[in-house]
Amino acid sequence: MLEIKNLTKTYPNGKKAVSNLSMTIEDGDLFGFIGKNGAGKTTTLKACLTIHDFDSGDILLNGISIKTAPTECKRKMAYVPDSPILETYLTGLQYLNFICDIYGVPTHTRKKRIYDLSERLGMSDKLNDLISSYSHGMKQKITLIGAFAHAPLLLVLDEPFVGLDPEAFIQLKYLMKELCSSGGSVLFSSHILDVVEKTCNKIGIIQDGKLIRSGSTKEILGTSDLEDVFMEINGK
């Protein structure tokens, strides 16, 4: 379980990116986090991953503070940013083995997971190619394979569907649901509201750094769809 308590983050220029934000992602939750550009989504996600420090509040993973035990928490998480930054001199397979080494995935386990994930995301014939030859979509896929390969307790995704072809797009939705079915959790931001509405069991909506609404998808939507709810909140 991920618990964000009264998270506040102010940048050096004085902009308050996140203000007193609290929300909880339970085991098995597929949690969609939405908001306009600059609303504070990425800042919140990066704070959960210890990439960004924050001014006040706390973030707990299974009751353990990421401030007091960052390495222990990070070993249980995986992150896929909207624009993956990879070592382009490596092949895809070298990168995946490097990730598996970091997370201590046994050789037999990693081989099977890498094979299965690569088949599903259409990368099995590209693993021995240099990452420098990959398109943006292929870099996104190899990063996703690395994230799923060590079966994280919490998977954090920032706009994960950008650049994916239709088959990989569909497979990613399946993989997210499978991780949650096995007891893991997914926290992801996306501008594709239709995917959030149809995929997530819970939704959080952030506006100007403040969590405006959070709860089950059914509670958030009522008799509306997510597009209507989002536009209403943003006064459109």
C-alpha atoms as a PDB file:
ATOM      1  CA  MET A   1       0.000   0.000   0.000  1.00  0.00           C
ATOM      2  CA  LEU A   2       1.179   3.506  -0.874  1.00  0.00           C
ATOM      3  CA  GLU A   3       0.083   6.285   1.439  1.00  0.00           C
ATOM      4  CA  ILE A   4       0.751   9.930   0.622  1.00  0.00           C
ATOM      5  CA  LYS A   5       0.245  12.174   3.638  1.00  0.00           C
ATOM      6  CA  ASN A   6      -0.067  15.954   3.329  1.00  0.00           C
ATOM      7  CA  LEU A   7       2.524  16.165   0.567  1.00  0.00           C
ATOM      8  CA  THR A   8       3.722  19.693  -0.176  1.00  0.00           C
ATOM      9  CA  LYS A   9       6.386  20.634  -2.702  1.00  0.00           C
ATOM     10  CA  THR A  10       7.497  24.162  -3.614  1.00  0.00           C
ATOM     11  CA  TYR A  11      10.046  24.828  -6.331  1.00  0.00           C
ATOM     12  CA  PRO A  12      12.891  27.384  -5.893  1.00  0.00           C
ATOM     13  CA  ASN A  13      11.016  29.919  -8.043  1.00  0.00           C
ATOM     14  CA  GLY A  14       8.251  29.938  -5.432  1.00  0.00           C
ATOM     15  CA  LYS A  15       5.757  27.883  -7.426  1.00  0.00           C
ATOM     16  CA  LYS A  16       3.875  25.476  -5.153  1.00  0.00           C
ATOM     17  CA  ALA A  17       3.640  22.375  -7.353  1.00  0.00           C
ATOM     18  CA  VAL A  18       1.793  20.212  -4.804  1.00  0.00           C
ATOM     19  CA  SER A  19      -0.143  21.473  -1.790  1.00  0.00           C
ATOM     20  CA  ASN A  20      -1.134  19.319   1.199  1.00  0.00           C
ATOM     21  CA  LEU A  21      -1.987  16.330  -0.997  1.00  0.00           C
ATOM     22  CA  SER A  22      -3.122  13.095   0.640  1.00  0.00           C
ATOM     23  CA  MET A  23      -4.213   9.902  -1.103  1.00  0.00           C
ATOM     24  CA  THR A  24      -3.929   6.146  -0.648  1.00  0.00           C
ATOM     25  CA  ILE A  25      -3.305   3.389  -3.197  1.00  0.00           C
ATOM     26  CA  GLU A  26      -4.277   0.022  -1.730  1.00  0.00           C
ATOM     27  CA  ASP A  27      -2.880  -3.373  -2.713  1.00  0.00           C
ATOM     28  CA  GLY A  28      -4.521  -4.410  -5.971  1.00  0.00           C
ATOM     29  CA  ASP A  29      -5.498  -0.859  -6.954  1.00  0.00           C
ATOM     30  CA  LEU A  30      -5.149   0.340 -10.520  1.00  0.00           C
ATOM     31  CA  PHE A  31      -5.150   4.056  -9.744  1.00  0.00           C
ATOM     32  CA  GLY A  32      -5.494   6.671 -12.494  1.00  0.00           C
ATOM     33  CA  PHE A  33      -4.054  10.098 -11.669  1.00  0.00           C
ATOM     34  CA  ILE A  34      -5.253  12.850 -13.986  1.00  0.00           C
ATOM     35  CA  GLY A  35      -4.993  16.597 -14.394  1.00  0.00           C
ATOM     36  CA  LYS A  36      -3.989  19.303 -16.852  1.00  0.00           C
ATOM     37  CA  ASN A  37      -0.362  19.956 -17.786  1.00  0.00           C
ATOM     38  CA  GLY A  38       1.383  21.568 -14.826  1.00  0.00           C
ATOM     39  CA  ALA A  39      -1.231  20.390 -12.319  1.00  0.00           C
ATOM     40  CA  GLY A  40       1.353  18.524 -10.224  1.00  0.00           C
ATOM     41  CA  LYS A  41       1.007  14.944 -11.461  1.00  0.00           C
ATOM     42  CA  THR A  42       4.628  14.279 -12.378  1.00  0.00           C
ATOM     43  CA  THR A  43       5.907  16.097  -9.290  1.00  0.00           C
ATOM     44  CA  THR A  44       3.770  13.840  -7.104  1.00  0.00           C
ATOM     45  CA  LEU A  45       4.916  10.693  -8.899  1.00  0.00           C
ATOM     46  CA  LYS A  46       8.573  11.661  -8.656  1.00  0.00           C
ATOM     47  CA  ALA A  47       8.186  12.445  -4.961  1.00  0.00           C
ATOM     48  CA  CYS A  48       6.844   8.911  -4.434  1.00  0.00           C
ATOM     49  CA  LEU A  49       9.987   7.566  -6.125  1.00  0.00           C
ATOM     50  CA  THR A  50      12.377   9.814  -4.131  1.00  0.00           C
ATOM     51  CA  ILE A  51      13.435  11.548  -7.366  1.00  0.00           C
ATOM     52  CA  HIS A  52      12.074  14.805  -5.920  1.00  0.00           C
ATOM     53  CA  ASP A  53      12.435  15.854  -2.304  1.00  0.00           C
ATOM     54  CA  PHE A  54       9.468  17.614  -0.731  1.00  0.00           C
ATOM     55  CA  ASP A  55       8.923  20.332   1.848  1.00  0.00           C
ATOM     56  CA  SER A  56       6.517  18.603   4.212  1.00  0.00           C
ATOM     57  CA  GLY A  57       4.377  15.528   4.628  1.00  0.00           C
ATOM     58  CA  ASP A  58       5.398  11.911   4.185  1.00  0.00           C
ATOM     59  CA  ILE A  59       5.059   9.032   1.751  1.00  0.00           C
ATOM     60  CA  LEU A  60       4.820   5.474   3.067  1.00  0.00           C
ATOM     61  CA  LEU A  61       5.146   2.182   1.209  1.00  0.00           C
ATOM     62  CA  ASN A  62       3.719  -0.645   3.304  1.00  0.00           C
ATOM     63  CA  GLY A  63       4.089   1.582   6.339  1.00  0.00           C
ATOM     64  CA  ILE A  64       7.740   2.421   5.665  1.00  0.00           C
ATOM     65  CA  SER A  65       8.663   6.061   5.008  1.00  0.00           C
ATOM     66  CA  ILE A  66      10.520   6.718   1.783  1.00  0.00           C
ATOM     67  CA  LYS A  67      12.401   9.434   3.677  1.00  0.00           C
ATOM     68  CA  THR A  68      13.837   7.134   6.334  1.00  0.00           C
ATOM     69  CA  ALA A  69      14.312   4.029   4.158  1.00  0.00           C
ATOM     70  CA  PRO A  70      14.524   5.165   0.519  1.00  0.00           C
ATOM     71  CA  THR A  71      16.543   2.211  -0.780  1.00  0.00           C
ATOM     72  CA  GLU A  72      14.283  -0.381   0.826  1.00  0.00           C
ATOM     73  CA  CYS A  73      11.227   1.305  -0.692  1.00  0.00           C
ATOM     74  CA  LYS A  74      12.753   1.774  -4.141  1.00  0.00           C
ATOM     75  CA  ARG A  75      13.580  -1.928  -4.378  1.00  0.00           C
ATOM     76  CA  LYS A  76       9.833  -2.600  -4.285  1.00  0.00           C
ATOM     77  CA  MET A  77       8.926  -0.029  -6.934  1.00  0.00           C
ATOM     78  CA  ALA A  78       9.349   0.447 -10.668  1.00  0.00           C
ATOM     79  CA  TYR A  79       9.014   3.636 -12.692  1.00  0.00           C
ATOM     80  CA  VAL A  80       8.428   4.329 -16.365  1.00  0.00           C
ATOM     81  CA  PRO A  81       8.649   8.043 -17.272  1.00  0.00           C
ATOM     82  CA  ASP A  82       6.941   9.634 -20.259  1.00  0.00           C
ATOM     83  CA  SER A  83      10.301  10.009 -22.023  1.00  0.00           C
ATOM     84  CA  PRO A  84      12.641   7.117 -21.141  1.00  0.00           C
ATOM     85  CA  ILE A  85      16.318   7.995 -20.726  1.00  0.00           C
ATOM     86  CA  LEU A  86      18.386   4.933 -21.594  1.00  0.00           C
ATOM     87  CA  GLU A  87      22.054   4.117 -22.157  1.00  0.00           C
ATOM     88  CA  THR A  88      22.031   3.939 -25.944  1.00  0.00           C
ATOM     89  CA  TYR A  89      25.315   2.011 -26.209  1.00  0.00           C
ATOM     90  CA  LEU A  90      23.610  -1.054 -24.660  1.00  0.00           C
ATOM     91  CA  THR A  91      21.471  -3.570 -26.466  1.00  0.00           C
ATOM     92  CA  GLY A  92      17.920  -4.019 -25.239  1.00  0.00           C
ATOM     93  CA  LEU A  93      18.845  -7.351 -23.642  1.00  0.00           C
ATOM     94  CA  GLN A  94      21.889  -5.880 -21.890  1.00  0.00           C
ATOM     95  CA  TYR A  95      19.689  -3.160 -20.432  1.00  0.00           C
ATOM     96  CA  LEU A  96      17.105  -5.676 -19.204  1.00  0.00           C
ATOM     97  CA  ASN A  97      19.772  -7.873 -17.608  1.00  0.00           C
ATOM     98  CA  PHE A  98      21.224  -4.791 -15.925  1.00  0.00           C
ATOM     99  CA  ILE A  99      17.810  -3.955 -14.440  1.00  0.00           C
ATOM    100  CA  CYS A 100      17.320  -7.545 -13.309  1.00  0.00           C
ATOM    101  CA  ASP A 101      20.788  -7.529 -11.707  1.00  0.00           C
ATOM    102  CA  ILE A 102      19.893  -4.412  -9.716  1.00  0.00           C
ATOM    103  CA  TYR A 103      16.704  -6.012  -8.413  1.00  0.00           C
ATOM    104  CA  GLY A 104      18.264  -9.442  -7.831  1.00  0.00           C
ATOM    105  CA  VAL A 105      16.046 -11.380 -10.248  1.00  0.00           C
ATOM    106  CA  PRO A 106      17.352 -14.983 -10.555  1.00  0.00           C
ATOM    107  CA  THR A 107      18.674 -16.046 -13.979  1.00  0.00           C
ATOM    108  CA  HIS A 108      15.949 -18.607 -14.718  1.00  0.00           C
ATOM    109  CA  THR A 109      13.180 -16.240 -13.624  1.00  0.00           C
ATOM    110  CA  ARG A 110      14.482 -13.294 -15.623  1.00  0.00           C
ATOM    111  CA  LYS A 111      14.886 -15.322 -18.821  1.00  0.00           C
ATOM    112  CA  LYS A 112      11.278 -16.427 -18.720  1.00  0.00           C
ATOM    113  CA  ARG A 113       9.940 -12.996 -17.819  1.00  0.00           C
ATOM    114  CA  ILE A 114      12.008 -11.193 -20.445  1.00  0.00           C
ATOM    115  CA  TYR A 115      10.946 -13.706 -23.090  1.00  0.00           C
ATOM    116  CA  ASP A 116       7.245 -13.526 -22.193  1.00  0.00           C
ATOM    117  CA  LEU A 117       7.148  -9.739 -21.892  1.00  0.00           C
ATOM    118  CA  SER A 118       9.138  -9.223 -25.098  1.00  0.00           C
ATOM    119  CA  GLU A 119       6.759 -11.486 -26.994  1.00  0.00           C
ATOM    120  CA  ARG A 120       3.721  -9.649 -25.684  1.00  0.00           C
ATOM    121  CA  LEU A 121       5.092  -6.176 -26.404  1.00  0.00           C
ATOM    122  CA  GLY A 122       6.532  -7.057 -29.804  1.00  0.00           C
ATOM    123  CA  MET A 123      10.209  -6.684 -28.926  1.00  0.00           C
ATOM    124  CA  SER A 124      11.513 -10.264 -29.060  1.00  0.00           C
ATOM    125  CA  ASP A 125      13.304  -9.741 -32.392  1.00  0.00           C
ATOM    126  CA  LYS A 126      14.806  -6.414 -31.283  1.00  0.00           C
ATOM    127  CA  LEU A 127      16.454  -7.373 -27.986  1.00  0.00           C
ATOM    128  CA  ASN A 128      19.928  -7.732 -29.489  1.00  0.00           C
ATOM    129  CA  ASP A 129      19.749  -4.410 -31.310  1.00  0.00           C
ATOM    130  CA  LEU A 130      21.404  -1.330 -29.842  1.00  0.00           C
ATOM    131  CA  ILE A 131      19.041   0.982 -28.002  1.00  0.00           C
ATOM    132  CA  SER A 132      20.464   3.810 -30.140  1.00  0.00           C
ATOM    133  CA  SER A 133      18.571   2.282 -33.077  1.00  0.00           C
ATOM    134  CA  TYR A 134      15.235   2.218 -31.226  1.00  0.00           C
ATOM    135  CA  SER A 135      12.323   4.509 -31.971  1.00  0.00           C
ATOM    136  CA  HIS A 136      10.591   6.327 -29.093  1.00  0.00           C
ATOM    137  CA  GLY A 137       7.937   3.610 -28.961  1.00  0.00           C
ATOM    138  CA  MET A 138      10.554   0.848 -28.797  1.00  0.00           C
ATOM    139  CA  LYS A 139      12.368   2.640 -25.969  1.00  0.00           C
ATOM    140  CA  GLN A 140       9.044   2.865 -24.160  1.00  0.00           C
ATOM    141  CA  LYS A 141       8.505  -0.874 -24.624  1.00  0.00           C
ATOM    142  CA  ILE A 142      11.965  -1.883 -23.393  1.00  0.00           C
ATOM    143  CA  THR A 143      11.529   0.336 -20.329  1.00  0.00           C
ATOM    144  CA  LEU A 144       8.152  -1.286 -19.630  1.00  0.00           C
ATOM    145  CA  ILE A 145       9.678  -4.762 -19.942  1.00  0.00           C
ATOM    146  CA  GLY A 146      12.360  -3.773 -17.427  1.00  0.00           C
ATOM    147  CA  ALA A 147       9.722  -2.453 -15.041  1.00  0.00           C
ATOM    148  CA  PHE A 148       7.545  -5.561 -15.141  1.00  0.00           C
ATOM    149  CA  ALA A 149      10.493  -7.991 -15.167  1.00  0.00           C
ATOM    150  CA  HIS A 150      11.138  -7.720 -11.416  1.00  0.00           C
ATOM    151  CA  ALA A 151       7.445  -7.921 -10.438  1.00  0.00           C
ATOM    152  CA  PRO A 152       7.322  -4.681  -8.418  1.00  0.00           C
ATOM    153  CA  LEU A 153       5.005  -4.166  -5.487  1.00  0.00           C
ATOM    154  CA  LEU A 154       4.181  -0.709  -6.873  1.00  0.00           C
ATOM    155  CA  LEU A 155       4.445   0.287 -10.526  1.00  0.00           C
ATOM    156  CA  VAL A 156       4.467   4.027 -11.240  1.00  0.00           C
ATOM    157  CA  LEU A 157       3.836   5.098 -14.834  1.00  0.00           C
ATOM    158  CA  ASP A 158       3.838   8.611 -16.295  1.00  0.00           C
ATOM    159  CA  GLU A 159       1.932   8.738 -19.606  1.00  0.00           C
ATOM    160  CA  PRO A 160       2.854   5.100 -20.384  1.00  0.00           C
ATOM    161  CA  PHE A 161       0.786   4.779 -23.574  1.00  0.00           C
ATOM    162  CA  VAL A 162       2.553   7.545 -25.514  1.00  0.00           C
ATOM    163  CA  GLY A 163       4.255   6.149 -28.613  1.00  0.00           C
ATOM    164  CA  LEU A 164       2.945   2.594 -28.274  1.00  0.00           C
ATOM    165  CA  ASP A 165       1.466   0.811 -31.267  1.00  0.00           C
ATOM    166  CA  PRO A 166      -2.100  -0.551 -30.878  1.00  0.00           C
ATOM    167  CA  GLU A 167      -1.053  -4.100 -29.946  1.00  0.00           C
ATOM    168  CA  ALA A 168       1.403  -2.942 -27.271  1.00  0.00           C
ATOM    169  CA  PHE A 169      -1.203  -0.430 -26.047  1.00  0.00           C
ATOM    170  CA  ILE A 170      -3.670  -3.279 -25.443  1.00  0.00           C
ATOM    171  CA  GLN A 171      -1.044  -5.584 -23.921  1.00  0.00           C
ATOM    172  CA  LEU A 172       0.044  -2.891 -21.469  1.00  0.00           C
ATOM    173  CA  LYS A 173      -3.512  -2.613 -20.155  1.00  0.00           C
ATOM    174  CA  TYR A 174      -3.568  -6.394 -19.650  1.00  0.00           C
ATOM    175  CA  LEU A 175      -0.180  -6.364 -17.905  1.00  0.00           C
ATOM    176  CA  MET A 176      -1.259  -3.615 -15.526  1.00  0.00           C
ATOM    177  CA  LYS A 177      -4.392  -5.529 -14.592  1.00  0.00           C
ATOM    178  CA  GLU A 178      -2.423  -8.761 -14.116  1.00  0.00           C
ATOM    179  CA  LEU A 179       0.035  -7.062 -11.758  1.00  0.00           C
ATOM    180  CA  CYS A 180      -2.868  -5.751  -9.678  1.00  0.00           C
ATOM    181  CA  SER A 181      -4.573  -9.164  -9.684  1.00  0.00           C
ATOM    182  CA  SER A 182      -1.394 -10.662  -8.221  1.00  0.00           C
ATOM    183  CA  GLY A 183      -1.459  -8.206  -5.301  1.00  0.00           C
ATOM    184  CA  GLY A 184       0.642  -5.381  -6.718  1.00  0.00           C
ATOM    185  CA  SER A 185      -0.556  -1.831  -7.370  1.00  0.00           C
ATOM    186  CA  VAL A 186      -0.304   0.585 -10.284  1.00  0.00           C
ATOM    187  CA  LEU A 187      -0.294   4.372 -10.046  1.00  0.00           C
ATOM    188  CA  PHE A 188      -0.301   6.035 -13.432  1.00  0.00           C
ATOM    189  CA  SER A 189      -0.950   9.407 -14.976  1.00  0.00           C
ATOM    190  CA  SER A 190      -2.521   9.744 -18.396  1.00  0.00           C
ATOM    191  CA  HIS A 191      -4.270  12.279 -20.581  1.00  0.00           C
ATOM    192  CA  ILE A 192      -6.169   9.445 -22.283  1.00  0.00           C
ATOM    193  CA  LEU A 193      -9.286   9.745 -20.138  1.00  0.00           C
ATOM    194  CA  ASP A 194     -11.132   6.922 -21.865  1.00  0.00           C
ATOM    195  CA  VAL A 195      -8.390   4.463 -20.861  1.00  0.00           C
ATOM    196  CA  VAL A 196      -8.406   5.711 -17.271  1.00  0.00           C
ATOM    197  CA  GLU A 197     -12.183   5.386 -17.056  1.00  0.00           C
ATOM    198  CA  LYS A 198     -12.297   1.860 -18.476  1.00  0.00           C
ATOM    199  CA  THR A 199      -9.163   0.488 -16.815  1.00  0.00           C
ATOM    200  CA  CYS A 200      -8.912   1.951 -13.310  1.00  0.00           C
ATOM    201  CA  ASN A 201     -10.836   0.987 -10.192  1.00  0.00           C
ATOM    202  CA  LYS A 202      -9.833   4.280  -8.546  1.00  0.00           C
ATOM    203  CA  ILE A 203      -9.165   7.789  -9.827  1.00  0.00           C
ATOM    204  CA  GLY A 204      -7.567  10.933  -8.407  1.00  0.00           C
ATOM    205  CA  ILE A 205      -7.973  14.348 -10.036  1.00  0.00           C
ATOM    206  CA  ILE A 206      -5.408  17.051  -9.314  1.00  0.00           C
ATOM    207  CA  GLN A 207      -5.755  20.751 -10.098  1.00  0.00           C
ATOM    208  CA  ASP A 208      -3.171  23.448  -9.364  1.00  0.00           C
ATOM    209  CA  GLY A 209      -1.327  21.120  -6.998  1.00  0.00           C
ATOM    210  CA  LYS A 210      -4.408  20.184  -4.973  1.00  0.00           C
ATOM    211  CA  LEU A 211      -6.270  16.886  -5.018  1.00  0.00           C
ATOM    212  CA  ILE A 212      -9.782  17.883  -6.051  1.00  0.00           C
ATOM    213  CA  ARG A 213     -11.394  14.454  -6.107  1.00  0.00           C
ATOM    214  CA  SER A 214     -10.288  10.938  -5.202  1.00  0.00           C
ATOM    215  CA  GLY A 215     -12.164   7.665  -4.844  1.00  0.00           C
ATOM    216  CA  SER A 216     -13.540   4.680  -6.695  1.00  0.00           C
ATOM    217  CA  THR A 217     -14.193   5.157 -10.389  1.00  0.00           C
ATOM    218  CA  LYS A 218     -17.892   4.587  -9.768  1.00  0.00           C
ATOM    219  CA  GLU A 219     -17.974   7.305  -7.092  1.00  0.00           C
ATOM    220  CA  ILE A 220     -16.069   9.804  -9.222  1.00  0.00           C
ATOM    221  CA  LEU A 221     -18.185   9.291 -12.323  1.00  0.00           C
ATOM    222  CA  GLY A 222     -21.684   8.908 -10.927  1.00  0.00           C
ATOM    223  CA  THR A 223     -23.893   8.940 -14.016  1.00  0.00           C
ATOM    224  CA  SER A 224     -21.356  10.896 -16.125  1.00  0.00           C
ATOM    225  CA  ASP A 225     -18.278   9.861 -18.032  1.00  0.00           C
ATOM    226  CA  LEU A 226     -14.765  10.947 -17.088  1.00  0.00           C
ATOM    227  CA  GLU A 227     -14.485  13.510 -19.872  1.00  0.00           C
ATOM    228  CA  ASP A 228     -17.576  15.326 -18.596  1.00  0.00           C
ATOM    229  CA  VAL A 229     -16.368  15.181 -14.987  1.00  0.00           C
ATOM    230  CA  PHE A 230     -12.929  16.483 -15.952  1.00  0.00           C
ATOM    231  CA  MET A 231     -14.314  19.351 -18.018  1.00  0.00           C
ATOM    232  CA  GLU A 232     -16.757  20.304 -15.269  1.00  0.00           C
ATOM    233  CA  ILE A 233     -13.962  20.458 -12.687  1.00  0.00           C
ATOM    234  CA  ASN A 234     -11.877  22.618 -14.982  1.00  0.00           C
ATOM    235  CA  GLY A 235     -14.791  24.958 -15.660  1.00  0.00           C
ATOM    236  CA  LYS A 236     -15.226  24.137 -19.336  1.00  0.00           C
END
